[in-house]
Amino acid sequence: YSSVAGRRLTRLDATVGCLTSHRLNQAVRRAFRRSEALQSILLMTVVLATAMVVGDGILTPAISMLGAVAGLQEATDNFVSEGEHNLLFAATAVLEGIVTLACAA
């Protein structure tokens, strides 16, 4: 096959796939334009998914650091004698350092 024939076949495959995709796309758009219930469901789904992604990105590192520093608190007597303020200070300092390094990179 020459490169011209290969390009024609590639274009033909893309056109056939595009036509099928285009029809489905139009049907879905029509359904969403006609139904306010579908629009509301889509909006709630997008808001919920966004909240879950943001929450996961914020809460996971914070909980991990609190767990790690709490492990340090139990492992050393110095943290235990000073109370819980050192736990929060150490976790906050470590998270701040990680964010600072991430922003600098």
PDB file of N, CA and C in Angstrom:
ATOM      1  N   TYR A   1       0.830  -1.191   0.000  1.00  0.00           N
ATOM      2  CA  TYR A   1       0.000   0.000   0.000  1.00  0.00           C
ATOM      3  C   TYR A   1       0.866   1.242   0.000  1.00  0.00           C
ATOM      4  N   SER A   2       0.414   2.208  -0.747  1.00  0.00           N
ATOM      5  CA  SER A   2       1.136   3.475  -0.721  1.00  0.00           C
ATOM      6  C   SER A   2       0.617   4.313   0.435  1.00  0.00           C
ATOM      7  N   SER A   3       1.317   5.341   0.725  1.00  0.00           N
ATOM      8  CA  SER A   3       0.907   6.182   1.836  1.00  0.00           C
ATOM      9  C   SER A   3      -0.410   6.894   1.528  1.00  0.00           C
ATOM     10  N   VAL A   4      -0.653   7.194   0.241  1.00  0.00           N
ATOM     11  CA  VAL A   4      -1.910   7.851  -0.137  1.00  0.00           C
ATOM     12  C   VAL A   4      -3.082   6.903   0.111  1.00  0.00           C
ATOM     13  N   ALA A   5      -2.932   5.645  -0.271  1.00  0.00           N
ATOM     14  CA  ALA A   5      -4.002   4.669  -0.053  1.00  0.00           C
ATOM     15  C   ALA A   5      -4.233   4.449   1.441  1.00  0.00           C
ATOM     16  N   GLY A   6      -3.181   4.410   2.204  1.00  0.00           N
ATOM     17  CA  GLY A   6      -3.309   4.251   3.649  1.00  0.00           C
ATOM     18  C   GLY A   6      -4.059   5.407   4.283  1.00  0.00           C
ATOM     19  N   ARG A   7      -3.767   6.614   3.820  1.00  0.00           N
ATOM     20  CA  ARG A   7      -4.474   7.788   4.345  1.00  0.00           C
ATOM     21  C   ARG A   7      -5.952   7.754   3.982  1.00  0.00           C
ATOM     22  N   ARG A   8      -6.257   7.293   2.748  1.00  0.00           N
ATOM     23  CA  ARG A   8      -7.666   7.204   2.336  1.00  0.00           C
ATOM     24  C   ARG A   8      -8.413   6.193   3.194  1.00  0.00           C
ATOM     25  N   LEU A   9      -7.795   5.042   3.459  1.00  0.00           N
ATOM     26  CA  LEU A   9      -8.440   4.048   4.305  1.00  0.00           C
ATOM     27  C   LEU A   9      -8.642   4.577   5.726  1.00  0.00           C
ATOM     28  N   THR A  10      -7.662   5.282   6.226  1.00  0.00           N
ATOM     29  CA  THR A  10      -7.778   5.853   7.561  1.00  0.00           C
ATOM     30  C   THR A  10      -8.909   6.869   7.614  1.00  0.00           C
ATOM     31  N   ARG A  11      -9.007   7.702   6.577  1.00  0.00           N
ATOM     32  CA  ARG A  11     -10.089   8.680   6.520  1.00  0.00           C
ATOM     33  C   ARG A  11     -11.441   8.004   6.423  1.00  0.00           C
ATOM     34  N   LEU A  12     -11.523   6.919   5.641  1.00  0.00           N
ATOM     35  CA  LEU A  12     -12.781   6.193   5.498  1.00  0.00           C
ATOM     36  C   LEU A  12     -13.200   5.589   6.835  1.00  0.00           C
ATOM     37  N   ASP A  13     -12.272   4.970   7.554  1.00  0.00           N
ATOM     38  CA  ASP A  13     -12.581   4.404   8.862  1.00  0.00           C
ATOM     39  C   ASP A  13     -13.050   5.499   9.827  1.00  0.00           C
ATOM     40  N   ALA A  14     -12.374   6.628   9.801  1.00  0.00           N
ATOM     41  CA  ALA A  14     -12.744   7.726  10.688  1.00  0.00           C
ATOM     42  C   ALA A  14     -14.120   8.275  10.325  1.00  0.00           C
ATOM     43  N   THR A  15     -14.429   8.339   9.019  1.00  0.00           N
ATOM     44  CA  THR A  15     -15.727   8.856   8.579  1.00  0.00           C
ATOM     45  C   THR A  15     -16.856   7.931   9.005  1.00  0.00           C
ATOM     46  N   VAL A  16     -16.687   6.630   8.829  1.00  0.00           N
ATOM     47  CA  VAL A  16     -17.727   5.672   9.217  1.00  0.00           C
ATOM     48  C   VAL A  16     -17.940   5.726  10.724  1.00  0.00           C
ATOM     49  N   GLY A  17     -16.867   5.733  11.494  1.00  0.00           N
ATOM     50  CA  GLY A  17     -16.982   5.834  12.945  1.00  0.00           C
ATOM     51  C   GLY A  17     -17.589   7.150  13.365  1.00  0.00           C
ATOM     52  N   CYS A  18     -17.250   8.213  12.652  1.00  0.00           N
ATOM     53  CA  CYS A  18     -17.753   9.544  12.982  1.00  0.00           C
ATOM     54  C   CYS A  18     -19.250   9.636  12.726  1.00  0.00           C
ATOM     55  N   LEU A  19     -19.743   9.008  11.631  1.00  0.00           N
ATOM     56  CA  LEU A  19     -21.172   9.039  11.332  1.00  0.00           C
ATOM     57  C   LEU A  19     -21.972   8.348  12.426  1.00  0.00           C
ATOM     58  N   THR A  20     -21.514   7.193  12.865  1.00  0.00           N
ATOM     59  CA  THR A  20     -22.209   6.475  13.931  1.00  0.00           C
ATOM     60  C   THR A  20     -22.175   7.287  15.213  1.00  0.00           C
ATOM     61  N   SER A  21     -21.023   7.826  15.531  1.00  0.00           N
ATOM     62  CA  SER A  21     -20.864   8.630  16.737  1.00  0.00           C
ATOM     63  C   SER A  21     -21.699   9.902  16.634  1.00  0.00           C
ATOM     64  N   HIS A  22     -21.774  10.485  15.449  1.00  0.00           N
ATOM     65  CA  HIS A  22     -22.515  11.724  15.243  1.00  0.00           C
ATOM     66  C   HIS A  22     -24.012  11.499  15.465  1.00  0.00           C
ATOM     67  N   ARG A  23     -24.556  10.393  14.963  1.00  0.00           N
ATOM     68  CA  ARG A  23     -25.976  10.095  15.153  1.00  0.00           C
ATOM     69  C   ARG A  23     -26.299   9.895  16.628  1.00  0.00           C
ATOM     70  N   LEU A  24     -25.475   9.168  17.315  1.00  0.00           N
ATOM     71  CA  LEU A  24     -25.681   8.954  18.740  1.00  0.00           C
ATOM     72  C   LEU A  24     -25.585  10.277  19.496  1.00  0.00           C
ATOM     73  N   ASN A  25     -24.612  11.083  19.118  1.00  0.00           N
ATOM     74  CA  ASN A  25     -24.425  12.387  19.740  1.00  0.00           C
ATOM     75  C   ASN A  25     -25.670  13.250  19.570  1.00  0.00           C
ATOM     76  N   GLN A  26     -26.224  13.270  18.365  1.00  0.00           N
ATOM     77  CA  GLN A  26     -27.429  14.065  18.117  1.00  0.00           C
ATOM     78  C   GLN A  26     -28.614  13.549  18.923  1.00  0.00           C
ATOM     79  N   ALA A  27     -28.761  12.229  19.024  1.00  0.00           N
ATOM     80  CA  ALA A  27     -29.873  11.658  19.781  1.00  0.00           C
ATOM     81  C   ALA A  27     -29.771  12.023  21.264  1.00  0.00           C
ATOM     82  N   VAL A  28     -28.571  11.946  21.805  1.00  0.00           N
ATOM     83  CA  VAL A  28     -28.378  12.285  23.216  1.00  0.00           C
ATOM     84  C   VAL A  28     -28.638  13.772  23.445  1.00  0.00           C
ATOM     85  N   ARG A  29     -28.154  14.610  22.552  1.00  0.00           N
ATOM     86  CA  ARG A  29     -28.402  16.055  22.689  1.00  0.00           C
ATOM     87  C   ARG A  29     -29.891  16.371  22.653  1.00  0.00           C
ATOM     88  N   ARG A  30     -30.614  15.744  21.706  1.00  0.00           N
ATOM     89  CA  ARG A  30     -32.057  15.971  21.629  1.00  0.00           C
ATOM     90  C   ARG A  30     -32.753  15.559  22.926  1.00  0.00           C
ATOM     91  N   ALA A  31     -32.357  14.420  23.466  1.00  0.00           N
ATOM     92  CA  ALA A  31     -32.976  13.930  24.700  1.00  0.00           C
ATOM     93  C   ALA A  31     -32.724  14.897  25.854  1.00  0.00           C
ATOM     94  N   PHE A  32     -31.523  15.431  25.954  1.00  0.00           N
ATOM     95  CA  PHE A  32     -31.213  16.357  27.036  1.00  0.00           C
ATOM     96  C   PHE A  32     -31.896  17.710  26.837  1.00  0.00           C
ATOM     97  N   ARG A  33     -32.042  18.145  25.610  1.00  0.00           N
ATOM     98  CA  ARG A  33     -32.722  19.421  25.366  1.00  0.00           C
ATOM     99  C   ARG A  33     -34.211  19.340  25.686  1.00  0.00           C
ATOM    100  N   ARG A  34     -34.814  18.188  25.461  1.00  0.00           N
ATOM    101  CA  ARG A  34     -36.247  18.019  25.679  1.00  0.00           C
ATOM    102  C   ARG A  34     -36.608  17.804  27.147  1.00  0.00           C
ATOM    103  N   SER A  35     -35.731  17.222  27.912  1.00  0.00           N
ATOM    104  CA  SER A  35     -36.083  16.803  29.267  1.00  0.00           C
ATOM    105  C   SER A  35     -35.319  17.590  30.328  1.00  0.00           C
ATOM    106  N   GLU A  36     -36.084  18.358  31.108  1.00  0.00           N
ATOM    107  CA  GLU A  36     -35.453  19.077  32.216  1.00  0.00           C
ATOM    108  C   GLU A  36     -35.016  18.109  33.309  1.00  0.00           C
ATOM    109  N   ALA A  37     -35.708  16.986  33.436  1.00  0.00           N
ATOM    110  CA  ALA A  37     -35.330  15.985  34.444  1.00  0.00           C
ATOM    111  C   ALA A  37     -33.950  15.420  34.128  1.00  0.00           C
ATOM    112  N   LEU A  38     -33.681  15.118  32.860  1.00  0.00           N
ATOM    113  CA  LEU A  38     -32.355  14.619  32.468  1.00  0.00           C
ATOM    114  C   LEU A  38     -31.282  15.670  32.722  1.00  0.00           C
ATOM    115  N   GLN A  39     -31.603  16.919  32.454  1.00  0.00           N
ATOM    116  CA  GLN A  39     -30.646  17.995  32.702  1.00  0.00           C
ATOM    117  C   GLN A  39     -30.335  18.101  34.192  1.00  0.00           C
ATOM    118  N   SER A  40     -31.356  17.989  35.017  1.00  0.00           N
ATOM    119  CA  SER A  40     -31.151  18.055  36.471  1.00  0.00           C
ATOM    120  C   SER A  40     -30.333  16.875  36.970  1.00  0.00           C
ATOM    121  N   ILE A  41     -30.623  15.682  36.446  1.00  0.00           N
ATOM    122  CA  ILE A  41     -29.859  14.496  36.840  1.00  0.00           C
ATOM    123  C   ILE A  41     -28.400  14.643  36.440  1.00  0.00           C
ATOM    124  N   LEU A  42     -28.166  15.137  35.229  1.00  0.00           N
ATOM    125  CA  LEU A  42     -26.783  15.343  34.773  1.00  0.00           C
ATOM    126  C   LEU A  42     -26.070  16.365  35.647  1.00  0.00           C
ATOM    127  N   LEU A  43     -26.747  17.461  35.971  1.00  0.00           N
ATOM    128  CA  LEU A  43     -26.139  18.489  36.808  1.00  0.00           C
ATOM    129  C   LEU A  43     -25.795  17.936  38.189  1.00  0.00           C
ATOM    130  N   MET A  44     -26.719  17.199  38.806  1.00  0.00           N
ATOM    131  CA  MET A  44     -26.456  16.629  40.133  1.00  0.00           C
ATOM    132  C   MET A  44     -25.313  15.617  40.082  1.00  0.00           C
ATOM    133  N   THR A  45     -25.254  14.833  39.013  1.00  0.00           N
ATOM    134  CA  THR A  45     -24.179  13.855  38.867  1.00  0.00           C
ATOM    135  C   THR A  45     -22.823  14.548  38.737  1.00  0.00           C
ATOM    136  N   VAL A  46     -22.764  15.598  37.951  1.00  0.00           N
ATOM    137  CA  VAL A  46     -21.509  16.319  37.753  1.00  0.00           C
ATOM    138  C   VAL A  46     -21.066  17.005  39.052  1.00  0.00           C
ATOM    139  N   VAL A  47     -22.004  17.622  39.764  1.00  0.00           N
ATOM    140  CA  VAL A  47     -21.661  18.291  41.020  1.00  0.00           C
ATOM    141  C   VAL A  47     -21.183  17.271  42.050  1.00  0.00           C
ATOM    142  N   LEU A  48     -21.878  16.137  42.153  1.00  0.00           N
ATOM    143  CA  LEU A  48     -21.484  15.100  43.100  1.00  0.00           C
ATOM    144  C   LEU A  48     -20.106  14.527  42.760  1.00  0.00           C
ATOM    145  N   ALA A  49     -19.872  14.261  41.487  1.00  0.00           N
ATOM    146  CA  ALA A  49     -18.569  13.719  41.070  1.00  0.00           C
ATOM    147  C   ALA A  49     -17.450  14.711  41.335  1.00  0.00           C
ATOM    148  N   THR A  50     -17.697  15.980  41.068  1.00  0.00           N
ATOM    149  CA  THR A  50     -16.692  17.010  41.330  1.00  0.00           C
ATOM    150  C   THR A  50     -16.385  17.108  42.814  1.00  0.00           C
ATOM    151  N   ALA A  51     -17.430  17.079  43.634  1.00  0.00           N
ATOM    152  CA  ALA A  51     -17.230  17.138  45.081  1.00  0.00           C
ATOM    153  C   ALA A  51     -16.444  15.933  45.579  1.00  0.00           C
ATOM    154  N   MET A  52     -16.711  14.768  45.011  1.00  0.00           N
ATOM    155  CA  MET A  52     -15.992  13.561  45.441  1.00  0.00           C
ATOM    156  C   MET A  52     -14.515  13.637  45.059  1.00  0.00           C
ATOM    157  N   VAL A  53     -14.230  14.115  43.871  1.00  0.00           N
ATOM    158  CA  VAL A  53     -12.831  14.210  43.435  1.00  0.00           C
ATOM    159  C   VAL A  53     -12.076  15.235  44.278  1.00  0.00           C
ATOM    160  N   VAL A  54     -12.688  16.394  44.503  1.00  0.00           N
ATOM    161  CA  VAL A  54     -12.028  17.426  45.310  1.00  0.00           C
ATOM    162  C   VAL A  54     -11.873  16.951  46.746  1.00  0.00           C
ATOM    163  N   GLY A  55     -12.911  16.354  47.294  1.00  0.00           N
ATOM    164  CA  GLY A  55     -12.837  15.842  48.659  1.00  0.00           C
ATOM    165  C   GLY A  55     -11.769  14.784  48.819  1.00  0.00           C
ATOM    166  N   ASP A  56     -11.676  13.902  47.840  1.00  0.00           N
ATOM    167  CA  ASP A  56     -10.648  12.859  47.899  1.00  0.00           C
ATOM    168  C   ASP A  56      -9.258  13.472  47.829  1.00  0.00           C
ATOM    169  N   GLY A  57      -9.096  14.461  46.988  1.00  0.00           N
ATOM    170  CA  GLY A  57      -7.789  15.102  46.854  1.00  0.00           C
ATOM    171  C   GLY A  57      -7.373  15.886  48.076  1.00  0.00           C
ATOM    172  N   ILE A  58      -8.338  16.381  48.834  1.00  0.00           N
ATOM    173  CA  ILE A  58      -8.022  17.178  50.022  1.00  0.00           C
ATOM    174  C   ILE A  58      -7.926  16.300  51.261  1.00  0.00           C
ATOM    175  N   LEU A  59      -8.892  15.404  51.437  1.00  0.00           N
ATOM    176  CA  LEU A  59      -8.964  14.632  52.680  1.00  0.00           C
ATOM    177  C   LEU A  59      -7.937  13.514  52.771  1.00  0.00           C
ATOM    178  N   THR A  60      -7.646  12.849  51.674  1.00  0.00           N
ATOM    179  CA  THR A  60      -6.738  11.701  51.732  1.00  0.00           C
ATOM    180  C   THR A  60      -5.352  12.078  52.256  1.00  0.00           C
ATOM    181  N   PRO A  61      -4.693  13.099  51.717  1.00  0.00           N
ATOM    182  CA  PRO A  61      -3.377  13.444  52.267  1.00  0.00           C
ATOM    183  C   PRO A  61      -3.446  13.900  53.730  1.00  0.00           C
ATOM    184  N   ALA A  62      -4.490  14.632  54.077  1.00  0.00           N
ATOM    185  CA  ALA A  62      -4.603  15.117  55.455  1.00  0.00           C
ATOM    186  C   ALA A  62      -4.781  13.960  56.437  1.00  0.00           C
ATOM    187  N   ILE A  63      -5.626  13.015  56.097  1.00  0.00           N
ATOM    188  CA  ILE A  63      -5.857  11.874  56.985  1.00  0.00           C
ATOM    189  C   ILE A  63      -4.600  11.010  57.066  1.00  0.00           C
ATOM    190  N   SER A  64      -3.914  10.835  55.955  1.00  0.00           N
ATOM    191  CA  SER A  64      -2.678  10.043  55.960  1.00  0.00           C
ATOM    192  C   SER A  64      -1.625  10.677  56.861  1.00  0.00           C
ATOM    193  N   MET A  65      -1.483  11.997  56.768  1.00  0.00           N
ATOM    194  CA  MET A  65      -0.483  12.671  57.591  1.00  0.00           C
ATOM    195  C   MET A  65      -0.852  12.628  59.070  1.00  0.00           C
ATOM    196  N   LEU A  66      -2.137  12.795  59.381  1.00  0.00           N
ATOM    197  CA  LEU A  66      -2.546  12.710  60.778  1.00  0.00           C
ATOM    198  C   LEU A  66      -2.277  11.319  61.342  1.00  0.00           C
ATOM    199  N   GLY A  67      -2.518  10.299  60.529  1.00  0.00           N
ATOM    200  CA  GLY A  67      -2.232   8.929  60.963  1.00  0.00           C
ATOM    201  C   GLY A  67      -0.749   8.707  61.183  1.00  0.00           C
ATOM    202  N   ALA A  68       0.069   9.231  60.272  1.00  0.00           N
ATOM    203  CA  ALA A  68       1.513   9.056  60.403  1.00  0.00           C
ATOM    204  C   ALA A  68       2.056   9.782  61.629  1.00  0.00           C
ATOM    205  N   VAL A  69       1.600  10.991  61.847  1.00  0.00           N
ATOM    206  CA  VAL A  69       2.081  11.755  62.997  1.00  0.00           C
ATOM    207  C   VAL A  69       1.532  11.155  64.293  1.00  0.00           C
ATOM    208  N   ALA A  70       0.308  10.617  64.264  1.00  0.00           N
ATOM    209  CA  ALA A  70      -0.229   9.943  65.451  1.00  0.00           C
ATOM    210  C   ALA A  70       0.602   8.715  65.779  1.00  0.00           C
ATOM    211  N   GLY A  71       1.103   8.026  64.759  1.00  0.00           N
ATOM    212  CA  GLY A  71       2.006   6.898  64.985  1.00  0.00           C
ATOM    213  C   GLY A  71       3.290   7.353  65.635  1.00  0.00           C
ATOM    214  N   LEU A  72       3.802   8.509  65.219  1.00  0.00           N
ATOM    215  CA  LEU A  72       4.991   9.076  65.864  1.00  0.00           C
ATOM    216  C   LEU A  72       4.699   9.423  67.322  1.00  0.00           C
ATOM    217  N   GLN A  73       3.499   9.915  67.566  1.00  0.00           N
ATOM    218  CA  GLN A  73       3.124  10.294  68.919  1.00  0.00           C
ATOM    219  C   GLN A  73       3.145   9.078  69.845  1.00  0.00           C
ATOM    220  N   GLU A  74       2.668   7.957  69.358  1.00  0.00           N
ATOM    221  CA  GLU A  74       2.665   6.751  70.180  1.00  0.00           C
ATOM    222  C   GLU A  74       4.062   6.153  70.299  1.00  0.00           C
ATOM    223  N   ALA A  75       4.897   6.352  69.294  1.00  0.00           N
ATOM    224  CA  ALA A  75       6.227   5.742  69.295  1.00  0.00           C
ATOM    225  C   ALA A  75       7.218   6.490  70.175  1.00  0.00           C
ATOM    226  N   THR A  76       7.009   7.784  70.333  1.00  0.00           N
ATOM    227  CA  THR A  76       7.965   8.554  71.123  1.00  0.00           C
ATOM    228  C   THR A  76       7.298   9.139  72.352  1.00  0.00           C
ATOM    229  N   ASP A  77       8.030   9.233  73.419  1.00  0.00           N
ATOM    230  CA  ASP A  77       7.501   9.793  74.661  1.00  0.00           C
ATOM    231  C   ASP A  77       7.415  11.316  74.601  1.00  0.00           C
ATOM    232  N   ASN A  78       8.246  11.928  73.759  1.00  0.00           N
ATOM    233  CA  ASN A  78       8.287  13.376  73.672  1.00  0.00           C
ATOM    234  C   ASN A  78       6.952  13.938  73.177  1.00  0.00           C
ATOM    235  N   PHE A  79       6.370  13.311  72.175  1.00  0.00           N
ATOM    236  CA  PHE A  79       5.093  13.779  71.654  1.00  0.00           C
ATOM    237  C   PHE A  79       3.979  13.563  72.670  1.00  0.00           C
ATOM    238  N   VAL A  80       4.030  12.453  73.384  1.00  0.00           N
ATOM    239  CA  VAL A  80       2.969  12.116  74.325  1.00  0.00           C
ATOM    240  C   VAL A  80       2.936  13.100  75.482  1.00  0.00           C
ATOM    241  N   SER A  81       4.086  13.477  75.973  1.00  0.00           N
ATOM    242  CA  SER A  81       4.125  14.353  77.138  1.00  0.00           C
ATOM    243  C   SER A  81       3.653  15.773  76.810  1.00  0.00           C
ATOM    244  N   GLU A  82       3.846  16.205  75.567  1.00  0.00           N
ATOM    245  CA  GLU A  82       3.484  17.575  75.196  1.00  0.00           C
ATOM    246  C   GLU A  82       2.004  17.731  74.848  1.00  0.00           C
ATOM    247  N   GLY A  83       1.301  16.668  74.587  1.00  0.00           N
ATOM    248  CA  GLY A  83      -0.124  16.765  74.292  1.00  0.00           C
ATOM    249  C   GLY A  83      -0.409  16.729  72.797  1.00  0.00           C
ATOM    250  N   GLU A  84      -1.648  17.062  72.486  1.00  0.00           N
ATOM    251  CA  GLU A  84      -2.125  16.923  71.112  1.00  0.00           C
ATOM    252  C   GLU A  84      -1.748  18.099  70.227  1.00  0.00           C
ATOM    253  N   HIS A  85      -1.318  19.190  70.785  1.00  0.00           N
ATOM    254  CA  HIS A  85      -0.963  20.359  69.975  1.00  0.00           C
ATOM    255  C   HIS A  85       0.227  20.061  69.060  1.00  0.00           C
ATOM    256  N   ASN A  86       1.173  19.282  69.543  1.00  0.00           N
ATOM    257  CA  ASN A  86       2.313  18.910  68.698  1.00  0.00           C
ATOM    258  C   ASN A  86       1.872  18.053  67.523  1.00  0.00           C
ATOM    259  N   LEU A  87       0.886  17.222  67.723  1.00  0.00           N
ATOM    260  CA  LEU A  87       0.379  16.368  66.650  1.00  0.00           C
ATOM    261  C   LEU A  87      -0.150  17.222  65.503  1.00  0.00           C
ATOM    262  N   LEU A  88      -0.998  18.178  65.813  1.00  0.00           N
ATOM    263  CA  LEU A  88      -1.556  19.038  64.775  1.00  0.00           C
ATOM    264  C   LEU A  88      -0.491  19.921  64.146  1.00  0.00           C
ATOM    265  N   PHE A  89       0.431  20.442  64.966  1.00  0.00           N
ATOM    266  CA  PHE A  89       1.500  21.285  64.438  1.00  0.00           C
ATOM    267  C   PHE A  89       2.392  20.492  63.475  1.00  0.00           C
ATOM    268  N   ALA A  90       2.776  19.288  63.869  1.00  0.00           N
ATOM    269  CA  ALA A  90       3.650  18.467  63.020  1.00  0.00           C
ATOM    270  C   ALA A  90       2.944  18.073  61.726  1.00  0.00           C
ATOM    271  N   ALA A  91       1.683  17.676  61.812  1.00  0.00           N
ATOM    272  CA  ALA A  91       0.943  17.290  60.605  1.00  0.00           C
ATOM    273  C   ALA A  91       0.782  18.479  59.669  1.00  0.00           C
ATOM    274  N   THR A  92       0.475  19.637  60.232  1.00  0.00           N
ATOM    275  CA  THR A  92       0.332  20.843  59.419  1.00  0.00           C
ATOM    276  C   THR A  92       1.654  21.233  58.777  1.00  0.00           C
ATOM    277  N   ALA A  93       2.735  21.143  59.507  1.00  0.00           N
ATOM    278  CA  ALA A  93       4.051  21.489  58.955  1.00  0.00           C
ATOM    279  C   ALA A  93       4.445  20.547  57.825  1.00  0.00           C
ATOM    280  N   VAL A  94       4.202  19.263  58.002  1.00  0.00           N
ATOM    281  CA  VAL A  94       4.544  18.302  56.947  1.00  0.00           C
ATOM    282  C   VAL A  94       3.697  18.544  55.706  1.00  0.00           C
ATOM    283  N   LEU A  95       2.400  18.738  55.870  1.00  0.00           N
ATOM    284  CA  LEU A  95       1.536  19.003  54.716  1.00  0.00           C
ATOM    285  C   LEU A  95       1.908  20.308  54.025  1.00  0.00           C
ATOM    286  N   GLU A  96       2.225  21.319  54.782  1.00  0.00           N
ATOM    287  CA  GLU A  96       2.642  22.587  54.190  1.00  0.00           C
ATOM    288  C   GLU A  96       3.936  22.430  53.405  1.00  0.00           C
ATOM    289  N   GLY A  97       4.863  21.645  53.945  1.00  0.00           N
ATOM    290  CA  GLY A  97       6.103  21.379  53.224  1.00  0.00           C
ATOM    291  C   GLY A  97       5.884  20.624  51.923  1.00  0.00           C
ATOM    292  N   ILE A  98       4.981  19.656  51.960  1.00  0.00           N
ATOM    293  CA  ILE A  98       4.679  18.888  50.734  1.00  0.00           C
ATOM    294  C   ILE A  98       4.054  19.796  49.677  1.00  0.00           C
ATOM    295  N   VAL A  99       3.103  20.632  50.083  1.00  0.00           N
ATOM    296  CA  VAL A  99       2.452  21.541  49.135  1.00  0.00           C
ATOM    297  C   VAL A  99       3.456  22.534  48.576  1.00  0.00           C
ATOM    298  N   THR A 100       4.348  23.042  49.415  1.00  0.00           N
ATOM    299  CA  THR A 100       5.371  23.980  48.960  1.00  0.00           C
ATOM    300  C   THR A 100       6.295  23.324  47.938  1.00  0.00           C
ATOM    301  N   LEU A 101       6.704  22.096  48.208  1.00  0.00           N
ATOM    302  CA  LEU A 101       7.547  21.385  47.246  1.00  0.00           C
ATOM    303  C   LEU A 101       6.813  21.103  45.944  1.00  0.00           C
ATOM    304  N   ALA A 102       5.539  20.752  46.040  1.00  0.00           N
ATOM    305  CA  ALA A 102       4.753  20.475  44.834  1.00  0.00           C
ATOM    306  C   ALA A 102       4.581  21.727  43.987  1.00  0.00           C
ATOM    307  N   CYS A 103       4.365  22.857  44.629  1.00  0.00           N
ATOM    308  CA  CYS A 103       4.193  24.113  43.878  1.00  0.00           C
ATOM    309  C   CYS A 103       5.504  24.578  43.257  1.00  0.00           C
ATOM    310  N   ALA A 104       6.613  24.277  43.895  1.00  0.00           N
ATOM    311  CA  ALA A 104       7.914  24.697  43.376  1.00  0.00           C
ATOM    312  C   ALA A 104       8.337  23.854  42.175  1.00  0.00           C
ATOM    313  N   ALA A 105       7.834  22.645  42.087  1.00  0.00           N
ATOM    314  CA  ALA A 105       8.243  21.743  40.997  1.00  0.00           C
ATOM    315  C   ALA A 105       7.557  22.023  39.708  1.00  0.00           C
TER     316      ALA A 105
END
